[in-house]
């Protein structure tokens, strides 16, 4: 295991156990005043939740529904919450290998560690106000992490063109090429 990856996993700390939230289908119980801000901060009744272990617990029962809404789900209840952008932030990235064989490993603010590839795809959007690049990585189910600004700059540094015909600019991970959108290298 590359030393950077081992360090990242150690920094992830204790994560809540993976729960089968995609298999749970209890009745909807309404919404509560819980919000995940675009910077990854969790709020309850307008106040930030300051206990990382509690945030990790809530994150472990978070699910995004097919309609795009977010819920906390257990075997007996489903409760709606508000998510401003993505529910997680990718705060660190390690690159191992090169070219088509490289693997990009991401750590989120709640301790998830994933390798980008077919199971955890990268998605790039353009920020409406600035046309700046907004990279996301799939974490589990429909849940994604928006990359931090520093991680976004690391991704841009790894950008390459695909094929000899310059079919697009993007990054490789897990034997998959993830293209940037047209105009997606503006760092705005």
Foldseek 3Di string as FASTA:
>chain_A
DDPVVVVLLVVLPDADDADPLVPADADEPEAAAWEQELVQFIDHPRHTDPDLRVVRVQVNQWDQDPVRWIWRDDNHYTYTYYYHPANWEFEDWDWDDADLEIWIWTAIPSRQIDTDDPQWHKAWDQDPVPREIWIWIRRDHNGIHTYDLVVVVVQLVQWDAPDPVSPAIGHHHPSDTHGHPVSHSPSD
